[in-house]
Amino acid sequence: MRSEERIVVGVDGSEFATAALKLAGRMATSLNAPLEIITCLGTSDFYLASHMPPGRVPSMEELDETAKRLLDQAVERAFGASPPAELSRTVKFGPPAKTLIEESKDAQMLVVGRRGEGGFLAQVMGSVSGACAAHAHCPVLVVGQDKQTPQAEPA
């Protein structure tokens, strides 16, 4: 992979991440650049363990398998049966913001969703996307929700 030309996109399973992945895929295709999809497992990633029986702590292998399944699902949602040609999927262990910032050192662009699975819904930008925008070593594209994704009606 031509690492200095790659476009890195952070994925966490959220709708914002799907929108970011779709846009990153279009950009990678247009620029003839490799696309690397990264999901990060931190110590607080208990949402990945939601398929485990109560009180059971998942092994690292189980977390890795679940993260790979999350990546496969994200690719399916974003691209269906036609993913970009130079696509790689990576599972990293560590805090998402720190990991993505480190990965930005040899990327031409970092793409992230505006917000992820956690956090407060009233926030305009999540902590990971904010940290990436402030500290990445390459340009950062922060993507809002996909226009085609249905949104809840305001109460």
C-alpha atoms as a PDB file:
ATOM      1  CA  MET A   1       0.000   0.000   0.000  1.00  0.00           C
ATOM      2  CA  ARG A   2       1.241   3.487  -0.822  1.00  0.00           C
ATOM      3  CA  SER A   3       0.931   4.707   2.758  1.00  0.00           C
ATOM      4  CA  GLU A   4       1.745   8.375   2.153  1.00  0.00           C
ATOM      5  CA  GLU A   5      -1.033   8.565  -0.445  1.00  0.00           C
ATOM      6  CA  ARG A   6      -3.660   6.671   1.517  1.00  0.00           C
ATOM      7  CA  ILE A   7      -6.895   8.095   2.799  1.00  0.00           C
ATOM      8  CA  VAL A   8      -7.635   6.922   6.332  1.00  0.00           C
ATOM      9  CA  VAL A   9     -11.205   6.761   7.608  1.00  0.00           C
ATOM     10  CA  GLY A  10     -12.191   6.046  11.203  1.00  0.00           C
ATOM     11  CA  VAL A  11     -15.224   3.794  11.630  1.00  0.00           C
ATOM     12  CA  ASP A  12     -17.163   2.986  14.806  1.00  0.00           C
ATOM     13  CA  GLY A  13     -20.486   1.624  13.541  1.00  0.00           C
ATOM     14  CA  SER A  14     -22.387   4.931  13.763  1.00  0.00           C
ATOM     15  CA  GLU A  15     -24.428   6.507  10.963  1.00  0.00           C
ATOM     16  CA  PHE A  16     -21.897   9.337  10.857  1.00  0.00           C
ATOM     17  CA  ALA A  17     -19.119   6.803  10.279  1.00  0.00           C
ATOM     18  CA  THR A  18     -21.067   5.257   7.387  1.00  0.00           C
ATOM     19  CA  ALA A  19     -21.436   8.694   5.778  1.00  0.00           C
ATOM     20  CA  ALA A  20     -17.712   9.333   6.308  1.00  0.00           C
ATOM     21  CA  LEU A  21     -16.843   5.969   4.754  1.00  0.00           C
ATOM     22  CA  LYS A  22     -19.018   6.620   1.682  1.00  0.00           C
ATOM     23  CA  LEU A  23     -17.398   9.997   1.084  1.00  0.00           C
ATOM     24  CA  ALA A  24     -13.879   8.679   1.753  1.00  0.00           C
ATOM     25  CA  GLY A  25     -14.533   5.901  -0.767  1.00  0.00           C
ATOM     26  CA  ARG A  26     -15.590   8.386  -3.447  1.00  0.00           C
ATOM     27  CA  MET A  27     -12.528  10.517  -2.740  1.00  0.00           C
ATOM     28  CA  ALA A  28     -10.155   7.539  -2.811  1.00  0.00           C
ATOM     29  CA  THR A  29     -11.576   6.420  -6.148  1.00  0.00           C
ATOM     30  CA  SER A  30     -11.347   9.940  -7.610  1.00  0.00           C
ATOM     31  CA  LEU A  31      -7.768  10.388  -6.397  1.00  0.00           C
ATOM     32  CA  ASN A  32      -6.730   6.815  -7.249  1.00  0.00           C
ATOM     33  CA  ALA A  33      -5.613   6.484  -3.632  1.00  0.00           C
ATOM     34  CA  PRO A  34      -5.696   3.504  -1.294  1.00  0.00           C
ATOM     35  CA  LEU A  35      -8.415   3.617   1.358  1.00  0.00           C
ATOM     36  CA  GLU A  36      -7.707   2.286   4.835  1.00  0.00           C
ATOM     37  CA  ILE A  37     -10.635   1.791   7.171  1.00  0.00           C
ATOM     38  CA  ILE A  38      -9.635   1.771  10.822  1.00  0.00           C
ATOM     39  CA  THR A  39     -11.673   0.899  13.862  1.00  0.00           C
ATOM     40  CA  CYS A  40     -10.173   1.380  17.292  1.00  0.00           C
ATOM     41  CA  LEU A  41     -10.745  -0.689  20.377  1.00  0.00           C
ATOM     42  CA  GLY A  42     -10.153   1.148  23.624  1.00  0.00           C
ATOM     43  CA  THR A  43     -10.541  -0.127  27.162  1.00  0.00           C
ATOM     44  CA  SER A  44     -14.044   1.347  27.306  1.00  0.00           C
ATOM     45  CA  ASP A  45     -15.349  -0.460  24.239  1.00  0.00           C
ATOM     46  CA  PHE A  46     -17.898  -2.508  26.116  1.00  0.00           C
ATOM     47  CA  TYR A  47     -20.470  -1.940  23.373  1.00  0.00           C
ATOM     48  CA  LEU A  48     -18.570  -4.558  21.383  1.00  0.00           C
ATOM     49  CA  ALA A  49     -19.129  -6.986  24.222  1.00  0.00           C
ATOM     50  CA  SER A  50     -22.899  -6.507  24.131  1.00  0.00           C
ATOM     51  CA  HIS A  51     -23.299  -9.973  22.599  1.00  0.00           C
ATOM     52  CA  MET A  52     -21.629 -11.559  25.632  1.00  0.00           C
ATOM     53  CA  PRO A  53     -23.527 -13.056  28.539  1.00  0.00           C
ATOM     54  CA  PRO A  54     -23.785 -10.690  31.534  1.00  0.00           C
ATOM     55  CA  GLY A  55     -20.705 -10.702  33.742  1.00  0.00           C
ATOM     56  CA  ARG A  56     -18.466 -12.286  31.097  1.00  0.00           C
ATOM     57  CA  VAL A  57     -15.426 -10.362  29.931  1.00  0.00           C
ATOM     58  CA  PRO A  58     -14.617 -10.963  26.268  1.00  0.00           C
ATOM     59  CA  SER A  59     -11.150 -12.113  25.250  1.00  0.00           C
ATOM     60  CA  MET A  60      -8.966  -9.966  22.984  1.00  0.00           C
ATOM     61  CA  GLU A  61      -9.618 -12.450  20.174  1.00  0.00           C
ATOM     62  CA  GLU A  62     -13.384 -12.054  20.610  1.00  0.00           C
ATOM     63  CA  LEU A  63     -13.079  -8.262  20.599  1.00  0.00           C
ATOM     64  CA  ASP A  64     -10.919  -8.438  17.472  1.00  0.00           C
ATOM     65  CA  GLU A  65     -13.448 -10.704  15.723  1.00  0.00           C
ATOM     66  CA  THR A  66     -16.309  -8.400  16.687  1.00  0.00           C
ATOM     67  CA  ALA A  67     -14.387  -5.357  15.448  1.00  0.00           C
ATOM     68  CA  LYS A  68     -13.664  -7.089  12.125  1.00  0.00           C
ATOM     69  CA  ARG A  69     -17.363  -7.905  11.810  1.00  0.00           C
ATOM     70  CA  LEU A  70     -18.137  -4.205  12.501  1.00  0.00           C
ATOM     71  CA  LEU A  71     -15.751  -3.245   9.683  1.00  0.00           C
ATOM     72  CA  ASP A  72     -17.346  -5.738   7.293  1.00  0.00           C
ATOM     73  CA  GLN A  73     -20.808  -4.377   8.119  1.00  0.00           C
ATOM     74  CA  ALA A  74     -19.621  -0.796   7.608  1.00  0.00           C
ATOM     75  CA  VAL A  75     -18.195  -1.681   4.182  1.00  0.00           C
ATOM     76  CA  GLU A  76     -21.449  -3.426   3.246  1.00  0.00           C
ATOM     77  CA  ARG A  77     -23.576  -0.427   4.342  1.00  0.00           C
ATOM     78  CA  ALA A  78     -21.355   2.074   2.558  1.00  0.00           C
ATOM     79  CA  PHE A  79     -20.564   0.262  -0.689  1.00  0.00           C
ATOM     80  CA  GLY A  80     -22.767  -2.796  -1.016  1.00  0.00           C
ATOM     81  CA  ALA A  81     -21.082  -5.280  -3.337  1.00  0.00           C
ATOM     82  CA  SER A  82     -18.807  -2.634  -4.935  1.00  0.00           C
ATOM     83  CA  PRO A  83     -16.126  -1.489  -2.465  1.00  0.00           C
ATOM     84  CA  PRO A  84     -13.207   0.613  -3.755  1.00  0.00           C
ATOM     85  CA  ALA A  85     -10.389  -1.343  -5.402  1.00  0.00           C
ATOM     86  CA  GLU A  86      -7.582  -0.547  -2.947  1.00  0.00           C
ATOM     87  CA  LEU A  87      -9.410  -1.061   0.340  1.00  0.00           C
ATOM     88  CA  SER A  88      -7.854  -2.325   3.542  1.00  0.00           C
ATOM     89  CA  ARG A  89      -9.418  -2.894   6.951  1.00  0.00           C
ATOM     90  CA  THR A  90      -7.470  -2.474  10.163  1.00  0.00           C
ATOM     91  CA  VAL A  91      -8.329  -3.041  13.814  1.00  0.00           C
ATOM     92  CA  LYS A  92      -6.175  -1.007  16.207  1.00  0.00           C
ATOM     93  CA  PHE A  93      -6.088  -1.269  19.987  1.00  0.00           C
ATOM     94  CA  GLY A  94      -5.952   2.044  21.840  1.00  0.00           C
ATOM     95  CA  PRO A  95      -7.836   5.301  22.308  1.00  0.00           C
ATOM     96  CA  PRO A  96      -9.542   6.191  18.998  1.00  0.00           C
ATOM     97  CA  ALA A  97      -8.462   9.853  18.811  1.00  0.00           C
ATOM     98  CA  LYS A  98      -4.828   9.129  19.663  1.00  0.00           C
ATOM     99  CA  THR A  99      -4.717   6.175  17.282  1.00  0.00           C
ATOM    100  CA  LEU A 100      -6.227   8.069  14.341  1.00  0.00           C
ATOM    101  CA  ILE A 101      -3.956  11.059  14.931  1.00  0.00           C
ATOM    102  CA  GLU A 102      -0.949   8.719  14.882  1.00  0.00           C
ATOM    103  CA  GLU A 103      -2.218   7.092  11.662  1.00  0.00           C
ATOM    104  CA  SER A 104      -2.595  10.549  10.082  1.00  0.00           C
ATOM    105  CA  LYS A 105       1.213  10.957  10.056  1.00  0.00           C
ATOM    106  CA  ASP A 106       1.528   9.061   6.788  1.00  0.00           C
ATOM    107  CA  ALA A 107      -1.830   9.749   5.166  1.00  0.00           C
ATOM    108  CA  GLN A 108      -2.896  12.390   2.695  1.00  0.00           C
ATOM    109  CA  MET A 109      -6.244  12.790   4.460  1.00  0.00           C
ATOM    110  CA  LEU A 110      -8.102  11.598   7.544  1.00  0.00           C
ATOM    111  CA  VAL A 111     -11.886  11.271   7.319  1.00  0.00           C
ATOM    112  CA  VAL A 112     -14.066  10.924  10.409  1.00  0.00           C
ATOM    113  CA  GLY A 113     -17.746  11.162  11.213  1.00  0.00           C
ATOM    114  CA  ARG A 114     -18.925  14.235  13.070  1.00  0.00           C
ATOM    115  CA  ARG A 115     -19.999  12.152  16.063  1.00  0.00           C
ATOM    116  CA  GLY A 116     -19.699   8.518  17.004  1.00  0.00           C
ATOM    117  CA  GLU A 117     -21.717   6.014  18.971  1.00  0.00           C
ATOM    118  CA  GLY A 118     -21.122   7.615  22.361  1.00  0.00           C
ATOM    119  CA  GLY A 119     -21.349  11.117  23.715  1.00  0.00           C
ATOM    120  CA  PHE A 120     -24.076  13.677  24.023  1.00  0.00           C
ATOM    121  CA  LEU A 121     -26.543  14.052  21.156  1.00  0.00           C
ATOM    122  CA  ALA A 122     -26.632  17.849  21.474  1.00  0.00           C
ATOM    123  CA  GLN A 123     -22.915  18.125  20.696  1.00  0.00           C
ATOM    124  CA  VAL A 124     -22.086  19.469  17.272  1.00  0.00           C
ATOM    125  CA  MET A 125     -18.871  17.458  17.132  1.00  0.00           C
ATOM    126  CA  GLY A 126     -17.717  14.470  19.120  1.00  0.00           C
ATOM    127  CA  SER A 127     -14.514  14.261  21.124  1.00  0.00           C
ATOM    128  CA  VAL A 128     -12.718  12.006  18.622  1.00  0.00           C
ATOM    129  CA  SER A 129     -13.542  14.134  15.573  1.00  0.00           C
ATOM    130  CA  GLY A 130     -12.661  17.307  17.491  1.00  0.00           C
ATOM    131  CA  ALA A 131      -9.295  15.930  18.614  1.00  0.00           C
ATOM    132  CA  CYS A 132      -8.518  14.700  15.102  1.00  0.00           C
ATOM    133  CA  ALA A 133      -9.404  18.077  13.574  1.00  0.00           C
ATOM    134  CA  ALA A 134      -7.176  19.851  16.094  1.00  0.00           C
ATOM    135  CA  HIS A 135      -4.161  17.533  16.139  1.00  0.00           C
ATOM    136  CA  ALA A 136      -3.933  15.433  12.958  1.00  0.00           C
ATOM    137  CA  HIS A 137      -0.806  15.592  10.803  1.00  0.00           C
ATOM    138  CA  CYS A 138      -2.774  15.815   7.549  1.00  0.00           C
ATOM    139  CA  PRO A 139      -5.990  17.488   6.394  1.00  0.00           C
ATOM    140  CA  VAL A 140      -9.089  16.208   8.223  1.00  0.00           C
ATOM    141  CA  LEU A 141     -12.555  15.945   6.731  1.00  0.00           C
ATOM    142  CA  VAL A 142     -15.321  15.792   9.336  1.00  0.00           C
ATOM    143  CA  VAL A 143     -18.491  14.377   7.769  1.00  0.00           C
ATOM    144  CA  GLY A 144     -22.035  14.941   8.986  1.00  0.00           C
ATOM    145  CA  GLN A 145     -24.893  12.521   8.651  1.00  0.00           C
ATOM    146  CA  ASP A 146     -25.641  11.152   5.189  1.00  0.00           C
ATOM    147  CA  LYS A 147     -28.553  12.997   3.553  1.00  0.00           C
ATOM    148  CA  GLN A 148     -30.043   9.651   2.560  1.00  0.00           C
ATOM    149  CA  THR A 149     -30.126   8.404   6.146  1.00  0.00           C
ATOM    150  CA  PRO A 150     -33.569   8.952   7.689  1.00  0.00           C
ATOM    151  CA  GLN A 151     -33.513  11.239  10.687  1.00  0.00           C
ATOM    152  CA  ALA A 152     -35.934  11.274  13.585  1.00  0.00           C
ATOM    153  CA  GLU A 153     -38.571  13.987  13.478  1.00  0.00           C
ATOM    154  CA  PRO A 154     -38.121  16.689  16.129  1.00  0.00           C
ATOM    155  CA  ALA A 155     -40.521  16.364  19.054  1.00  0.00           C
END
